[in-house]
Amino acid sequence: MAGSLLAGASAGSASTSTSTSTSVEATGSRRAPPCTHNQFVANPAERVGSTQVRVTVINEGPKACQLRGFPTVALAGQGSPDKNKPLKVVRQGQAPLVQLPVGGTVTTRITFTPVLGEADGYCASGAEPSVAPSIVVGIAGGALQLAPEDGGNFALCGNSVRATAFR
């Protein structure tokens, strides 16, 4: 579809991500308390190829925390993140415990089943394509509404996505 970002985003409260230079895996040293959703802000969803986005989340503090899990994902309009279409998240891999300092980041990769064709796109499965200008990513009991960095839409086939754990 012209102007679409990716196919397949899912909503959930698990966390998915890849390690960054500012996140630190637990090593047996004194552990921080669990992260809460109000500690986090996120960058726009970054396209990685034609079927995947990377979501980077930042711990704005006021203190270090620990996080383990996968994100939840939902499609949403530009209004309230509460008005969304939850997607099933198929978890990819294990979820490590991440010690996250203030200013530290974690990422997750969300993979979609792509919509084929141009403006009148279609799904190879015969399902109706879904298109939305934003996704809602659940983390630490809360949610962040994100638009794609390229200003396009999220487009996917089906009602599920695959996601990695936050790292």
N, C-alpha and C. Protein backbone atom coordinates (compact mmCIF):
# COMPACT_ATOMS: atom_id res chain seq x y z
N MET A 1 0.85 -1.18 0.00
CA MET A 1 0.00 0.00 0.00
C MET A 1 0.89 1.23 0.00
N ALA A 2 0.53 2.19 -0.79
CA ALA A 2 1.29 3.42 -0.83
C ALA A 2 1.19 4.12 0.51
N GLY A 3 2.32 4.57 1.05
CA GLY A 3 2.34 5.30 2.30
C GLY A 3 2.16 4.44 3.54
N SER A 4 2.13 3.12 3.39
CA SER A 4 1.98 2.29 4.58
C SER A 4 3.34 1.96 5.15
N LEU A 5 3.37 1.69 6.45
CA LEU A 5 4.63 1.41 7.10
C LEU A 5 4.94 -0.08 7.08
N LEU A 6 4.13 -0.85 7.73
CA LEU A 6 4.40 -2.27 7.84
C LEU A 6 3.11 -3.02 7.97
N ALA A 7 3.20 -4.30 7.80
CA ALA A 7 2.04 -5.13 8.02
C ALA A 7 2.19 -5.84 9.34
N GLY A 8 1.21 -5.82 10.19
CA GLY A 8 1.16 -6.60 11.42
C GLY A 8 1.72 -5.95 12.64
N ALA A 9 0.92 -5.34 13.47
CA ALA A 9 1.32 -4.86 14.79
C ALA A 9 0.37 -5.47 15.79
N SER A 10 0.84 -5.79 17.00
CA SER A 10 -0.07 -6.36 17.98
C SER A 10 -0.01 -5.62 19.28
N ALA A 11 -1.11 -5.62 20.00
CA ALA A 11 -1.16 -4.90 21.27
C ALA A 11 -1.06 -5.87 22.41
N GLY A 12 -0.29 -5.51 23.41
CA GLY A 12 -0.18 -6.35 24.58
C GLY A 12 0.64 -5.68 25.63
N SER A 13 0.78 -6.30 26.81
CA SER A 13 1.54 -5.66 27.86
C SER A 13 2.87 -6.34 28.08
N ALA A 14 3.29 -7.15 27.17
CA ALA A 14 4.59 -7.77 27.26
C ALA A 14 5.60 -6.82 26.66
N SER A 15 6.88 -7.09 26.83
CA SER A 15 7.85 -6.18 26.27
C SER A 15 8.79 -6.88 25.33
N THR A 16 9.12 -6.22 24.22
CA THR A 16 10.00 -6.78 23.22
C THR A 16 11.06 -5.77 22.87
N SER A 17 12.33 -6.17 22.75
CA SER A 17 13.34 -5.21 22.36
C SER A 17 14.67 -5.86 22.12
N THR A 18 15.61 -5.04 21.69
CA THR A 18 16.97 -5.51 21.50
C THR A 18 17.88 -4.66 22.37
N SER A 19 19.02 -5.19 22.76
CA SER A 19 19.91 -4.48 23.66
C SER A 19 20.47 -3.22 23.03
N THR A 20 20.75 -2.25 23.88
CA THR A 20 21.40 -1.03 23.42
C THR A 20 22.62 -0.79 24.28
N SER A 21 23.42 0.15 23.90
CA SER A 21 24.63 0.41 24.66
C SER A 21 24.34 0.98 26.03
N THR A 22 23.14 1.52 26.26
CA THR A 22 22.84 2.10 27.56
C THR A 22 22.05 1.18 28.46
N SER A 23 21.63 0.02 27.99
CA SER A 23 20.93 -0.90 28.88
C SER A 23 21.92 -1.94 29.38
N VAL A 24 21.72 -2.40 30.60
CA VAL A 24 22.66 -3.31 31.22
C VAL A 24 21.92 -4.52 31.74
N GLU A 25 22.35 -5.71 31.38
CA GLU A 25 21.74 -6.96 31.85
C GLU A 25 22.09 -7.15 33.32
N ALA A 26 21.18 -7.75 34.07
CA ALA A 26 21.41 -8.02 35.49
C ALA A 26 22.64 -8.91 35.65
N THR A 27 23.49 -8.59 36.62
CA THR A 27 24.72 -9.35 36.79
C THR A 27 24.90 -9.84 38.21
N GLY A 28 23.87 -9.81 39.01
CA GLY A 28 24.01 -10.27 40.37
C GLY A 28 24.29 -9.12 41.33
N SER A 29 24.58 -7.93 40.83
CA SER A 29 24.78 -6.79 41.69
C SER A 29 23.41 -6.34 42.21
N ARG A 30 23.40 -5.36 43.08
CA ARG A 30 22.15 -4.87 43.63
C ARG A 30 21.19 -4.48 42.52
N ARG A 31 19.98 -4.99 42.57
CA ARG A 31 19.01 -4.75 41.52
C ARG A 31 18.11 -3.58 41.86
N ALA A 32 17.72 -2.89 40.84
CA ALA A 32 16.81 -1.76 40.97
C ALA A 32 15.38 -2.29 41.10
N PRO A 33 14.44 -1.44 41.54
CA PRO A 33 13.04 -1.86 41.61
C PRO A 33 12.47 -2.04 40.20
N PRO A 34 11.31 -2.72 40.08
CA PRO A 34 10.68 -2.88 38.77
C PRO A 34 10.34 -1.52 38.15
N CYS A 35 10.43 -1.44 36.83
CA CYS A 35 10.07 -0.22 36.11
C CYS A 35 8.56 -0.01 36.18
N THR A 36 8.14 1.23 36.12
CA THR A 36 6.73 1.58 36.01
C THR A 36 6.54 2.32 34.69
N HIS A 37 5.35 2.22 34.11
CA HIS A 37 5.12 2.80 32.79
C HIS A 37 5.35 4.31 32.75
N ASN A 38 5.15 5.01 33.86
CA ASN A 38 5.31 6.47 33.82
C ASN A 38 6.77 6.91 33.80
N GLN A 39 7.71 5.98 33.85
CA GLN A 39 9.13 6.31 33.71
C GLN A 39 9.56 6.40 32.25
N PHE A 40 8.70 5.93 31.33
CA PHE A 40 9.12 5.75 29.95
C PHE A 40 8.57 6.78 28.97
N VAL A 41 9.41 7.11 28.00
CA VAL A 41 9.03 7.83 26.79
C VAL A 41 9.60 7.01 25.64
N ALA A 42 9.08 7.24 24.45
CA ALA A 42 9.55 6.45 23.30
C ALA A 42 9.81 7.34 22.11
N ASN A 43 10.74 6.92 21.28
CA ASN A 43 10.98 7.57 20.00
C ASN A 43 9.92 7.07 19.01
N PRO A 44 9.74 7.75 17.87
CA PRO A 44 8.83 7.20 16.85
C PRO A 44 9.29 5.81 16.42
N ALA A 45 8.35 5.00 15.94
CA ALA A 45 8.68 3.66 15.47
C ALA A 45 9.56 3.77 14.23
N GLU A 46 10.68 3.08 14.25
CA GLU A 46 11.66 3.13 13.16
C GLU A 46 11.48 1.93 12.23
N ARG A 47 11.27 2.20 10.95
CA ARG A 47 11.11 1.11 9.98
C ARG A 47 12.44 0.37 9.82
N VAL A 48 12.34 -0.96 9.86
CA VAL A 48 13.50 -1.83 9.63
C VAL A 48 13.06 -2.80 8.54
N GLY A 49 13.39 -2.49 7.31
CA GLY A 49 12.92 -3.30 6.20
C GLY A 49 11.45 -3.02 5.94
N SER A 50 10.80 -3.91 5.18
CA SER A 50 9.42 -3.66 4.79
C SER A 50 8.39 -4.31 5.69
N THR A 51 8.82 -5.14 6.65
CA THR A 51 7.85 -5.85 7.50
C THR A 51 8.13 -5.71 8.98
N GLN A 52 8.96 -4.76 9.38
CA GLN A 52 9.37 -4.69 10.78
C GLN A 52 9.58 -3.25 11.21
N VAL A 53 9.26 -2.98 12.50
CA VAL A 53 9.62 -1.69 13.11
C VAL A 53 10.39 -1.96 14.39
N ARG A 54 11.27 -1.04 14.71
CA ARG A 54 12.01 -1.07 15.98
C ARG A 54 11.44 0.04 16.85
N VAL A 55 11.11 -0.31 18.09
CA VAL A 55 10.60 0.66 19.04
C VAL A 55 11.65 0.81 20.14
N THR A 56 12.11 2.04 20.36
CA THR A 56 13.10 2.32 21.39
C THR A 56 12.42 3.12 22.50
N VAL A 57 12.57 2.63 23.73
CA VAL A 57 11.94 3.23 24.90
C VAL A 57 13.05 3.72 25.83
N ILE A 58 12.87 4.89 26.42
CA ILE A 58 13.88 5.53 27.26
C ILE A 58 13.38 5.66 28.69
N ASN A 59 14.22 5.30 29.66
CA ASN A 59 13.90 5.49 31.08
C ASN A 59 14.22 6.94 31.44
N GLU A 60 13.19 7.74 31.62
CA GLU A 60 13.38 9.15 32.00
C GLU A 60 13.51 9.33 33.51
N GLY A 61 13.50 8.26 34.26
CA GLY A 61 13.70 8.35 35.70
C GLY A 61 12.40 8.58 36.46
N PRO A 62 12.50 8.89 37.67
CA PRO A 62 13.63 9.53 38.33
C PRO A 62 14.70 8.58 38.85
N LYS A 63 14.53 7.26 38.65
CA LYS A 63 15.52 6.32 39.18
C LYS A 63 15.71 5.15 38.22
N ALA A 64 16.77 4.40 38.47
CA ALA A 64 17.02 3.18 37.70
C ALA A 64 15.92 2.18 38.02
N CYS A 65 15.72 1.24 37.11
CA CYS A 65 14.69 0.23 37.32
C CYS A 65 15.06 -1.03 36.55
N GLN A 66 14.29 -2.10 36.77
CA GLN A 66 14.51 -3.34 36.03
C GLN A 66 13.26 -3.70 35.25
N LEU A 67 13.47 -4.29 34.08
CA LEU A 67 12.38 -4.60 33.17
C LEU A 67 12.60 -5.99 32.58
N ARG A 68 11.52 -6.75 32.45
CA ARG A 68 11.57 -8.04 31.77
C ARG A 68 10.23 -8.22 31.07
N GLY A 69 10.27 -8.59 29.82
CA GLY A 69 9.02 -8.91 29.17
C GLY A 69 8.95 -8.52 27.71
N PHE A 70 7.72 -8.67 27.20
CA PHE A 70 7.41 -8.39 25.81
C PHE A 70 6.36 -7.29 25.75
N PRO A 71 6.31 -6.53 24.67
CA PRO A 71 5.31 -5.49 24.55
C PRO A 71 3.94 -6.06 24.18
N THR A 72 2.92 -5.31 24.45
CA THR A 72 1.62 -5.55 23.84
C THR A 72 1.55 -4.56 22.69
N VAL A 73 0.70 -4.83 21.71
CA VAL A 73 0.62 -3.94 20.55
C VAL A 73 -0.84 -3.82 20.11
N ALA A 74 -1.22 -2.61 19.74
CA ALA A 74 -2.56 -2.34 19.20
C ALA A 74 -2.43 -1.31 18.09
N LEU A 75 -3.35 -1.37 17.14
CA LEU A 75 -3.45 -0.33 16.12
C LEU A 75 -4.33 0.77 16.67
N ALA A 76 -4.02 2.03 16.35
CA ALA A 76 -4.81 3.14 16.87
C ALA A 76 -4.86 4.28 15.87
N GLY A 77 -5.88 5.12 16.03
CA GLY A 77 -5.98 6.35 15.26
C GLY A 77 -5.08 7.40 15.88
N GLN A 78 -5.33 8.65 15.57
CA GLN A 78 -4.51 9.71 16.12
C GLN A 78 -5.08 10.27 17.42
N GLY A 79 -6.22 9.78 17.85
CA GLY A 79 -6.85 10.25 19.08
C GLY A 79 -6.35 9.51 20.29
N SER A 80 -7.25 9.19 21.17
CA SER A 80 -6.92 8.55 22.43
C SER A 80 -6.35 7.16 22.21
N PRO A 81 -5.25 6.82 22.91
CA PRO A 81 -4.69 5.47 22.79
C PRO A 81 -5.62 4.41 23.37
N ASP A 82 -6.64 4.83 24.15
CA ASP A 82 -7.59 3.87 24.71
C ASP A 82 -8.52 3.31 23.65
N LYS A 83 -8.69 4.01 22.55
CA LYS A 83 -9.55 3.56 21.45
C LYS A 83 -8.65 2.89 20.41
N ASN A 84 -8.39 1.61 20.60
CA ASN A 84 -7.46 0.91 19.72
C ASN A 84 -7.96 -0.49 19.41
N LYS A 85 -7.26 -1.13 18.48
CA LYS A 85 -7.57 -2.51 18.08
C LYS A 85 -6.40 -3.38 18.54
N PRO A 86 -6.57 -4.09 19.67
CA PRO A 86 -5.49 -4.94 20.17
C PRO A 86 -5.13 -6.03 19.17
N LEU A 87 -3.85 -6.32 19.11
CA LEU A 87 -3.34 -7.39 18.25
C LEU A 87 -2.73 -8.48 19.12
N LYS A 88 -2.75 -9.69 18.62
CA LYS A 88 -2.11 -10.80 19.33
C LYS A 88 -0.61 -10.68 19.09
N VAL A 89 0.17 -10.80 20.17
CA VAL A 89 1.63 -10.74 20.06
C VAL A 89 2.19 -12.15 20.20
N VAL A 90 2.87 -12.60 19.16
CA VAL A 90 3.58 -13.88 19.20
C VAL A 90 4.99 -13.57 19.66
N ARG A 91 5.35 -14.06 20.82
CA ARG A 91 6.65 -13.74 21.43
C ARG A 91 7.77 -14.49 20.75
N GLN A 92 8.86 -13.78 20.49
CA GLN A 92 10.04 -14.33 19.82
C GLN A 92 11.20 -14.33 20.81
N GLY A 93 11.70 -15.51 21.17
CA GLY A 93 12.86 -15.61 22.05
C GLY A 93 12.50 -15.50 23.52
N GLN A 94 13.55 -15.38 24.34
CA GLN A 94 13.43 -15.27 25.79
C GLN A 94 13.45 -13.81 26.21
N ALA A 95 12.93 -13.53 27.40
CA ALA A 95 12.90 -12.17 27.93
C ALA A 95 13.91 -12.04 29.07
N PRO A 96 15.06 -11.43 28.80
CA PRO A 96 16.07 -11.27 29.86
C PRO A 96 15.66 -10.17 30.83
N LEU A 97 16.19 -10.24 32.04
CA LEU A 97 16.00 -9.16 33.01
C LEU A 97 17.01 -8.07 32.66
N VAL A 98 16.51 -6.86 32.44
CA VAL A 98 17.36 -5.74 32.03
C VAL A 98 17.38 -4.70 33.15
N GLN A 99 18.58 -4.34 33.60
CA GLN A 99 18.76 -3.25 34.55
C GLN A 99 18.86 -1.98 33.72
N LEU A 100 18.00 -1.01 33.99
CA LEU A 100 17.88 0.15 33.13
C LEU A 100 18.18 1.43 33.91
N PRO A 101 19.36 2.03 33.71
CA PRO A 101 19.67 3.28 34.41
C PRO A 101 18.82 4.43 33.87
N VAL A 102 18.78 5.52 34.59
CA VAL A 102 18.11 6.72 34.09
C VAL A 102 18.81 7.13 32.80
N GLY A 103 18.05 7.36 31.75
CA GLY A 103 18.61 7.68 30.44
C GLY A 103 18.88 6.45 29.59
N GLY A 104 18.79 5.26 30.18
CA GLY A 104 19.02 4.02 29.47
C GLY A 104 17.87 3.69 28.53
N THR A 105 18.17 2.89 27.52
CA THR A 105 17.16 2.53 26.53
C THR A 105 17.03 1.02 26.39
N VAL A 106 15.84 0.60 25.99
CA VAL A 106 15.59 -0.77 25.58
C VAL A 106 14.84 -0.70 24.26
N THR A 107 14.96 -1.76 23.47
CA THR A 107 14.25 -1.79 22.20
C THR A 107 13.54 -3.12 22.03
N THR A 108 12.58 -3.11 21.13
CA THR A 108 11.88 -4.31 20.71
C THR A 108 11.67 -4.20 19.21
N ARG A 109 11.59 -5.34 18.56
CA ARG A 109 11.27 -5.36 17.12
C ARG A 109 9.92 -6.01 16.95
N ILE A 110 9.07 -5.34 16.20
CA ILE A 110 7.72 -5.83 15.93
C ILE A 110 7.64 -6.14 14.44
N THR A 111 7.25 -7.37 14.13
CA THR A 111 7.20 -7.84 12.75
C THR A 111 5.75 -8.06 12.34
N PHE A 112 5.39 -7.56 11.15
CA PHE A 112 4.04 -7.59 10.62
C PHE A 112 3.95 -8.51 9.40
N THR A 113 2.76 -9.01 9.14
CA THR A 113 2.49 -9.69 7.88
C THR A 113 2.13 -8.60 6.88
N PRO A 114 2.88 -8.45 5.80
CA PRO A 114 2.70 -7.29 4.92
C PRO A 114 1.43 -7.32 4.08
N VAL A 115 0.98 -6.11 3.77
CA VAL A 115 -0.09 -5.91 2.81
C VAL A 115 0.59 -5.83 1.45
N LEU A 116 0.07 -6.54 0.47
CA LEU A 116 0.66 -6.60 -0.87
C LEU A 116 -0.03 -5.62 -1.81
N GLY A 117 0.64 -5.23 -2.86
CA GLY A 117 0.04 -4.35 -3.85
C GLY A 117 0.22 -2.89 -3.52
N GLU A 118 -0.50 -2.05 -4.24
CA GLU A 118 -0.40 -0.61 -4.07
C GLU A 118 -1.56 -0.09 -3.23
N ALA A 119 -2.14 1.05 -3.62
CA ALA A 119 -3.17 1.73 -2.83
C ALA A 119 -4.34 0.83 -2.48
N ASP A 120 -4.73 -0.08 -3.36
CA ASP A 120 -5.81 -1.02 -3.06
C ASP A 120 -5.19 -2.35 -2.64
N GLY A 121 -4.31 -2.31 -1.63
CA GLY A 121 -3.56 -3.49 -1.22
C GLY A 121 -4.44 -4.64 -0.81
N TYR A 122 -3.85 -5.83 -0.77
CA TYR A 122 -4.57 -7.04 -0.42
C TYR A 122 -3.68 -7.93 0.44
N CYS A 123 -4.30 -8.90 1.07
CA CYS A 123 -3.59 -9.88 1.89
C CYS A 123 -3.59 -11.21 1.16
N ALA A 124 -2.45 -11.84 1.07
CA ALA A 124 -2.35 -13.13 0.41
C ALA A 124 -3.29 -14.16 1.05
N SER A 125 -3.55 -14.00 2.34
CA SER A 125 -4.42 -14.93 3.06
C SER A 125 -5.90 -14.72 2.75
N GLY A 126 -6.22 -13.60 2.12
CA GLY A 126 -7.61 -13.27 1.85
C GLY A 126 -8.23 -12.39 2.93
N ALA A 127 -7.50 -12.14 4.03
CA ALA A 127 -7.99 -11.28 5.10
C ALA A 127 -8.05 -9.83 4.62
N GLU A 128 -8.86 -9.03 5.31
CA GLU A 128 -8.91 -7.60 5.01
C GLU A 128 -7.68 -6.92 5.61
N PRO A 129 -7.01 -6.05 4.86
CA PRO A 129 -5.88 -5.31 5.44
C PRO A 129 -6.37 -4.33 6.51
N SER A 130 -5.53 -4.09 7.51
CA SER A 130 -5.79 -3.07 8.52
C SER A 130 -4.74 -1.98 8.36
N VAL A 131 -5.19 -0.73 8.44
CA VAL A 131 -4.29 0.40 8.29
C VAL A 131 -4.59 1.39 9.41
N ALA A 132 -3.54 1.92 10.05
CA ALA A 132 -3.71 2.89 11.12
C ALA A 132 -2.51 3.83 11.16
N PRO A 133 -2.71 5.08 11.60
CA PRO A 133 -1.60 6.03 11.66
C PRO A 133 -0.69 5.87 12.88
N SER A 134 -1.10 5.04 13.86
CA SER A 134 -0.25 4.86 15.04
C SER A 134 -0.46 3.47 15.64
N ILE A 135 0.48 3.10 16.51
CA ILE A 135 0.34 1.89 17.30
C ILE A 135 0.44 2.28 18.77
N VAL A 136 -0.14 1.44 19.61
CA VAL A 136 -0.02 1.60 21.06
C VAL A 136 0.80 0.42 21.55
N VAL A 137 1.94 0.72 22.18
CA VAL A 137 2.86 -0.30 22.66
C VAL A 137 2.76 -0.34 24.18
N GLY A 138 2.40 -1.50 24.72
CA GLY A 138 2.30 -1.67 26.16
C GLY A 138 3.64 -2.03 26.76
N ILE A 139 3.96 -1.36 27.89
CA ILE A 139 5.20 -1.62 28.61
C ILE A 139 4.98 -1.31 30.09
N ALA A 140 5.43 -2.20 30.95
CA ALA A 140 5.41 -2.00 32.40
C ALA A 140 4.04 -1.55 32.92
N GLY A 141 2.98 -2.16 32.41
CA GLY A 141 1.64 -1.86 32.90
C GLY A 141 1.00 -0.63 32.32
N GLY A 142 1.64 0.04 31.40
CA GLY A 142 1.08 1.23 30.75
C GLY A 142 1.23 1.12 29.25
N ALA A 143 0.99 2.22 28.55
CA ALA A 143 1.05 2.19 27.10
C ALA A 143 1.57 3.50 26.54
N LEU A 144 2.26 3.41 25.41
CA LEU A 144 2.79 4.57 24.69
C LEU A 144 2.24 4.53 23.27
N GLN A 145 1.70 5.64 22.80
CA GLN A 145 1.18 5.72 21.44
C GLN A 145 2.27 6.28 20.54
N LEU A 146 2.57 5.56 19.44
CA LEU A 146 3.68 5.92 18.57
C LEU A 146 3.24 5.99 17.12
N ALA A 147 3.77 6.95 16.41
CA ALA A 147 3.59 7.05 14.97
C ALA A 147 4.89 6.57 14.31
N PRO A 148 4.83 6.17 13.05
CA PRO A 148 6.06 5.80 12.36
C PRO A 148 6.90 7.04 12.08
N GLU A 149 8.22 6.88 12.12
CA GLU A 149 9.11 8.02 11.92
C GLU A 149 9.00 8.62 10.53
N ASP A 150 8.55 7.83 9.56
CA ASP A 150 8.47 8.33 8.19
C ASP A 150 7.14 9.00 7.88
N GLY A 151 6.25 9.11 8.87
CA GLY A 151 4.98 9.78 8.67
C GLY A 151 3.93 8.95 7.96
N GLY A 152 4.24 7.72 7.59
CA GLY A 152 3.28 6.85 6.91
C GLY A 152 2.31 6.22 7.87
N ASN A 153 1.69 5.16 7.44
CA ASN A 153 0.75 4.39 8.25
C ASN A 153 1.30 3.02 8.53
N PHE A 154 0.74 2.37 9.54
CA PHE A 154 1.00 0.97 9.80
C PHE A 154 -0.05 0.19 9.01
N ALA A 155 0.38 -0.75 8.20
CA ALA A 155 -0.55 -1.57 7.42
C ALA A 155 -0.18 -3.03 7.62
N LEU A 156 -1.17 -3.86 7.90
CA LEU A 156 -0.88 -5.26 8.15
C LEU A 156 -2.03 -6.16 7.76
N CYS A 157 -1.71 -7.42 7.58
CA CYS A 157 -2.70 -8.45 7.32
C CYS A 157 -2.87 -9.27 8.59
N GLY A 158 -4.09 -9.61 8.90
CA GLY A 158 -4.35 -10.42 10.08
C GLY A 158 -4.44 -9.59 11.34
N ASN A 159 -4.49 -10.29 12.48
CA ASN A 159 -4.64 -9.61 13.76
C ASN A 159 -3.54 -9.98 14.74
N SER A 160 -2.35 -10.34 14.21
CA SER A 160 -1.24 -10.67 15.08
C SER A 160 0.07 -10.12 14.53
N VAL A 161 1.03 -9.97 15.44
CA VAL A 161 2.39 -9.56 15.09
C VAL A 161 3.36 -10.43 15.89
N ARG A 162 4.61 -10.42 15.50
CA ARG A 162 5.67 -11.09 16.25
C ARG A 162 6.50 -9.99 16.90
N ALA A 163 6.95 -10.24 18.15
CA ALA A 163 7.73 -9.23 18.84
C ALA A 163 8.84 -9.88 19.65
N THR A 164 9.96 -9.20 19.73
CA THR A 164 11.07 -9.63 20.58
C THR A 164 10.89 -9.01 21.96
N ALA A 165 11.54 -9.58 22.95
CA ALA A 165 11.51 -9.02 24.29
C ALA A 165 12.27 -7.70 24.33
N PHE A 166 11.94 -6.86 25.29
CA PHE A 166 12.71 -5.63 25.48
C PHE A 166 14.11 -6.03 25.93
N ARG A 167 15.11 -5.43 25.27
CA ARG A 167 16.53 -5.69 25.59
C ARG A 167 17.26 -4.38 25.61
